[in-house]
Amino acid sequence: MECPVLEVFDIETGERFSPLEGHAGQVQALALSPDGDRFASVADDGFVRVWDSISLECVWTAKAHEGKAADVTFCGNEAVITVGADGDGRLWDVV
């Protein structure tokens, strides 16, 4: 079984950057921080990951939900809200 990846593309050239690996399940949602400096992802593995938009490195991660993590959104630039497939919502400080 292949490891799920996030594929990132340059919006001006369409060039594909190296895939971002980290989740052990299908990615369910992405969110961009208001300042555009970071983006967050959640997946079937229950993890939330925050990535630097320039370096494309994972800068923060947490096991957000025991089951699937279904959605994510930024709350300002320093926190994310995740929702599990069971409807449970959580607020995370990602500084």
N, C-alpha and C. Protein backbone atom coordinates (compact mmCIF):
# COMPACT_ATOMS: atom_id res chain seq x y z
N MET A 1 0.84 -1.18 0.00
CA MET A 1 0.00 0.00 0.00
C MET A 1 0.88 1.24 0.00
N GLU A 2 0.59 2.19 -0.86
CA GLU A 2 1.37 3.41 -0.94
C GLU A 2 1.03 4.35 0.20
N CYS A 3 2.04 5.11 0.64
CA CYS A 3 1.84 6.12 1.67
C CYS A 3 1.17 7.34 1.04
N PRO A 4 0.09 7.84 1.63
CA PRO A 4 -0.58 9.02 1.08
C PRO A 4 0.35 10.23 1.11
N VAL A 5 0.22 11.08 0.12
CA VAL A 5 1.05 12.29 0.04
C VAL A 5 0.17 13.48 -0.32
N LEU A 6 0.69 14.66 -0.01
CA LEU A 6 0.07 15.90 -0.49
C LEU A 6 0.87 16.35 -1.69
N GLU A 7 0.21 16.68 -2.76
CA GLU A 7 0.90 17.20 -3.92
C GLU A 7 0.73 18.71 -3.96
N VAL A 8 1.84 19.43 -4.13
CA VAL A 8 1.84 20.89 -4.13
C VAL A 8 2.34 21.37 -5.48
N PHE A 9 1.62 22.37 -6.03
CA PHE A 9 1.96 22.90 -7.34
C PHE A 9 2.16 24.41 -7.27
N ASP A 10 3.06 24.93 -8.09
CA ASP A 10 3.25 26.37 -8.23
C ASP A 10 2.07 26.90 -9.04
N ILE A 11 1.34 27.89 -8.51
CA ILE A 11 0.13 28.36 -9.19
C ILE A 11 0.44 29.15 -10.45
N GLU A 12 1.65 29.68 -10.57
CA GLU A 12 2.00 30.45 -11.77
C GLU A 12 2.51 29.58 -12.89
N THR A 13 3.32 28.56 -12.57
CA THR A 13 3.95 27.75 -13.60
C THR A 13 3.32 26.37 -13.75
N GLY A 14 2.57 25.93 -12.72
CA GLY A 14 2.02 24.59 -12.75
C GLY A 14 3.03 23.52 -12.37
N GLU A 15 4.27 23.94 -12.05
CA GLU A 15 5.31 23.00 -11.66
C GLU A 15 4.92 22.27 -10.39
N ARG A 16 5.16 20.98 -10.38
CA ARG A 16 4.86 20.15 -9.21
C ARG A 16 6.09 20.09 -8.32
N PHE A 17 5.92 20.41 -7.04
CA PHE A 17 7.00 20.30 -6.08
C PHE A 17 7.06 18.86 -5.58
N SER A 18 8.10 18.53 -4.84
CA SER A 18 8.20 17.20 -4.26
C SER A 18 6.99 16.94 -3.36
N PRO A 19 6.40 15.76 -3.43
CA PRO A 19 5.22 15.47 -2.60
C PRO A 19 5.56 15.57 -1.12
N LEU A 20 4.58 15.98 -0.32
CA LEU A 20 4.74 16.09 1.12
C LEU A 20 4.23 14.81 1.75
N GLU A 21 5.09 14.11 2.44
CA GLU A 21 4.71 12.86 3.08
C GLU A 21 4.57 13.07 4.58
N GLY A 22 3.71 12.32 5.19
CA GLY A 22 3.55 12.42 6.63
C GLY A 22 2.30 11.72 7.14
N HIS A 23 1.20 11.85 6.43
CA HIS A 23 -0.03 11.21 6.87
C HIS A 23 -0.02 9.73 6.51
N ALA A 24 -0.63 8.93 7.39
CA ALA A 24 -0.73 7.49 7.14
C ALA A 24 -2.12 7.11 6.65
N GLY A 25 -2.90 8.09 6.25
CA GLY A 25 -4.24 7.86 5.73
C GLY A 25 -4.57 8.93 4.72
N GLN A 26 -5.66 8.75 4.01
CA GLN A 26 -6.07 9.70 2.98
C GLN A 26 -6.32 11.08 3.58
N VAL A 27 -5.78 12.11 2.94
CA VAL A 27 -5.98 13.49 3.38
C VAL A 27 -7.44 13.87 3.11
N GLN A 28 -8.10 14.43 4.13
CA GLN A 28 -9.51 14.78 4.03
C GLN A 28 -9.75 16.27 3.81
N ALA A 29 -8.86 17.13 4.33
CA ALA A 29 -9.09 18.57 4.22
C ALA A 29 -7.79 19.33 4.37
N LEU A 30 -7.76 20.52 3.77
CA LEU A 30 -6.64 21.45 3.86
C LEU A 30 -7.19 22.83 4.20
N ALA A 31 -6.36 23.63 4.89
CA ALA A 31 -6.74 25.01 5.20
C ALA A 31 -5.49 25.87 5.14
N LEU A 32 -5.64 27.10 4.63
CA LEU A 32 -4.55 28.05 4.54
C LEU A 32 -4.70 29.08 5.65
N SER A 33 -3.60 29.40 6.34
CA SER A 33 -3.66 30.42 7.39
C SER A 33 -3.98 31.77 6.76
N PRO A 34 -4.60 32.69 7.53
CA PRO A 34 -4.97 34.00 6.98
C PRO A 34 -3.79 34.77 6.39
N ASP A 35 -2.59 34.63 6.98
CA ASP A 35 -1.43 35.34 6.45
C ASP A 35 -0.74 34.59 5.31
N GLY A 36 -1.19 33.37 5.01
CA GLY A 36 -0.64 32.57 3.92
C GLY A 36 0.69 31.92 4.22
N ASP A 37 1.19 32.08 5.45
CA ASP A 37 2.50 31.52 5.80
C ASP A 37 2.48 30.02 6.04
N ARG A 38 1.31 29.48 6.40
CA ARG A 38 1.22 28.06 6.73
C ARG A 38 -0.08 27.48 6.19
N PHE A 39 -0.10 26.16 6.05
CA PHE A 39 -1.35 25.48 5.75
C PHE A 39 -1.43 24.23 6.61
N ALA A 40 -2.65 23.78 6.85
CA ALA A 40 -2.88 22.62 7.71
C ALA A 40 -3.57 21.53 6.91
N SER A 41 -3.32 20.29 7.33
CA SER A 41 -3.97 19.14 6.71
C SER A 41 -4.46 18.19 7.80
N VAL A 42 -5.56 17.51 7.52
CA VAL A 42 -6.07 16.44 8.39
C VAL A 42 -6.35 15.22 7.52
N ALA A 43 -6.28 14.05 8.15
CA ALA A 43 -6.42 12.82 7.36
C ALA A 43 -7.11 11.72 8.14
N ASP A 44 -7.32 10.61 7.43
CA ASP A 44 -7.94 9.42 8.02
C ASP A 44 -7.15 8.87 9.20
N ASP A 45 -5.86 9.21 9.29
CA ASP A 45 -5.04 8.72 10.41
C ASP A 45 -5.32 9.45 11.71
N GLY A 46 -6.18 10.49 11.67
CA GLY A 46 -6.55 11.24 12.87
C GLY A 46 -5.60 12.38 13.20
N PHE A 47 -4.53 12.55 12.43
CA PHE A 47 -3.55 13.58 12.71
C PHE A 47 -3.88 14.90 12.01
N VAL A 48 -3.47 15.99 12.65
CA VAL A 48 -3.46 17.31 12.04
C VAL A 48 -1.99 17.69 11.90
N ARG A 49 -1.64 18.22 10.75
CA ARG A 49 -0.27 18.66 10.50
C ARG A 49 -0.31 20.09 9.97
N VAL A 50 0.64 20.89 10.41
CA VAL A 50 0.78 22.26 9.92
C VAL A 50 2.10 22.34 9.17
N TRP A 51 2.03 22.93 7.97
CA TRP A 51 3.16 22.98 7.05
C TRP A 51 3.54 24.43 6.78
N ASP A 52 4.83 24.70 6.62
CA ASP A 52 5.31 26.01 6.21
C ASP A 52 5.06 26.15 4.71
N SER A 53 4.44 27.25 4.30
CA SER A 53 4.07 27.43 2.88
C SER A 53 5.27 27.67 1.97
N ILE A 54 6.39 28.13 2.52
CA ILE A 54 7.58 28.39 1.70
C ILE A 54 8.49 27.16 1.63
N SER A 55 8.89 26.65 2.81
CA SER A 55 9.82 25.52 2.84
C SER A 55 9.13 24.18 2.59
N LEU A 56 7.80 24.15 2.75
CA LEU A 56 6.98 22.94 2.62
C LEU A 56 7.35 21.87 3.64
N GLU A 57 7.91 22.30 4.78
CA GLU A 57 8.24 21.38 5.86
C GLU A 57 7.11 21.36 6.88
N CYS A 58 6.89 20.19 7.48
CA CYS A 58 5.91 20.06 8.55
C CYS A 58 6.50 20.73 9.79
N VAL A 59 5.78 21.72 10.34
CA VAL A 59 6.29 22.48 11.49
C VAL A 59 5.56 22.15 12.79
N TRP A 60 4.46 21.42 12.71
CA TRP A 60 3.70 21.06 13.91
C TRP A 60 2.78 19.90 13.57
N THR A 61 2.60 18.99 14.52
CA THR A 61 1.71 17.85 14.30
C THR A 61 1.12 17.38 15.62
N ALA A 62 -0.08 16.84 15.57
CA ALA A 62 -0.73 16.28 16.76
C ALA A 62 -1.73 15.21 16.35
N LYS A 63 -1.92 14.24 17.23
CA LYS A 63 -2.98 13.25 17.04
C LYS A 63 -4.26 13.94 17.48
N ALA A 64 -5.04 14.40 16.53
CA ALA A 64 -6.21 15.23 16.80
C ALA A 64 -7.44 14.42 17.19
N HIS A 65 -7.61 13.24 16.58
CA HIS A 65 -8.82 12.44 16.81
C HIS A 65 -8.46 10.96 16.77
N GLU A 66 -9.19 10.17 17.55
CA GLU A 66 -8.94 8.73 17.56
C GLU A 66 -9.35 8.10 16.23
N GLY A 67 -10.42 8.56 15.64
CA GLY A 67 -10.83 8.09 14.33
C GLY A 67 -10.34 9.06 13.26
N LYS A 68 -11.06 9.14 12.19
CA LYS A 68 -10.68 10.02 11.09
C LYS A 68 -10.84 11.49 11.49
N ALA A 69 -9.90 12.31 11.05
CA ALA A 69 -10.05 13.76 11.14
C ALA A 69 -10.69 14.20 9.83
N ALA A 70 -11.81 14.90 9.92
CA ALA A 70 -12.61 15.18 8.72
C ALA A 70 -12.45 16.58 8.17
N ASP A 71 -12.11 17.56 9.03
CA ASP A 71 -12.04 18.94 8.54
C ASP A 71 -11.09 19.74 9.42
N VAL A 72 -10.57 20.84 8.85
CA VAL A 72 -9.66 21.72 9.57
C VAL A 72 -9.86 23.14 9.06
N THR A 73 -9.71 24.11 9.96
CA THR A 73 -9.73 25.52 9.58
C THR A 73 -8.83 26.29 10.53
N PHE A 74 -8.25 27.37 10.05
CA PHE A 74 -7.45 28.22 10.92
C PHE A 74 -8.35 29.16 11.69
N CYS A 75 -7.97 29.44 12.92
CA CYS A 75 -8.62 30.42 13.78
C CYS A 75 -7.53 31.47 14.04
N GLY A 76 -7.48 32.50 13.23
CA GLY A 76 -6.33 33.41 13.24
C GLY A 76 -5.14 32.71 12.62
N ASN A 77 -3.94 33.17 12.95
CA ASN A 77 -2.72 32.57 12.38
C ASN A 77 -2.07 31.57 13.32
N GLU A 78 -2.55 31.48 14.57
CA GLU A 78 -1.85 30.69 15.58
C GLU A 78 -2.64 29.52 16.15
N ALA A 79 -3.80 29.22 15.59
CA ALA A 79 -4.60 28.10 16.08
C ALA A 79 -5.37 27.48 14.92
N VAL A 80 -5.67 26.19 15.07
CA VAL A 80 -6.53 25.49 14.11
C VAL A 80 -7.64 24.80 14.86
N ILE A 81 -8.75 24.64 14.19
CA ILE A 81 -9.88 23.88 14.71
C ILE A 81 -10.02 22.64 13.83
N THR A 82 -10.07 21.48 14.48
CA THR A 82 -10.27 20.24 13.74
C THR A 82 -11.61 19.64 14.12
N VAL A 83 -12.18 18.89 13.20
CA VAL A 83 -13.42 18.16 13.44
C VAL A 83 -13.18 16.71 13.05
N GLY A 84 -13.54 15.80 13.96
CA GLY A 84 -13.41 14.39 13.66
C GLY A 84 -14.64 13.89 12.92
N ALA A 85 -14.52 12.71 12.35
CA ALA A 85 -15.64 12.11 11.62
C ALA A 85 -16.83 11.87 12.55
N ASP A 86 -16.58 11.79 13.87
CA ASP A 86 -17.65 11.60 14.83
C ASP A 86 -18.32 12.91 15.24
N GLY A 87 -17.87 14.04 14.66
CA GLY A 87 -18.45 15.35 14.95
C GLY A 87 -17.78 16.09 16.09
N ASP A 88 -16.79 15.47 16.74
CA ASP A 88 -16.06 16.09 17.84
C ASP A 88 -15.15 17.19 17.29
N GLY A 89 -15.23 18.40 17.85
CA GLY A 89 -14.39 19.52 17.43
C GLY A 89 -13.36 19.85 18.49
N ARG A 90 -12.16 20.26 18.04
CA ARG A 90 -11.07 20.60 18.97
C ARG A 90 -10.31 21.80 18.47
N LEU A 91 -9.87 22.64 19.41
CA LEU A 91 -9.07 23.83 19.11
C LEU A 91 -7.62 23.56 19.52
N TRP A 92 -6.68 23.85 18.61
CA TRP A 92 -5.26 23.57 18.84
C TRP A 92 -4.45 24.84 18.67
N ASP A 93 -3.58 25.12 19.65
CA ASP A 93 -2.60 26.20 19.57
C ASP A 93 -1.41 25.65 18.79
N VAL A 94 -1.10 26.24 17.64
CA VAL A 94 -0.06 25.68 16.77
C VAL A 94 1.18 26.57 16.67
N VAL A 95 1.39 27.41 17.69
CA VAL A 95 2.56 28.29 17.70
C VAL A 95 3.77 27.51 18.13
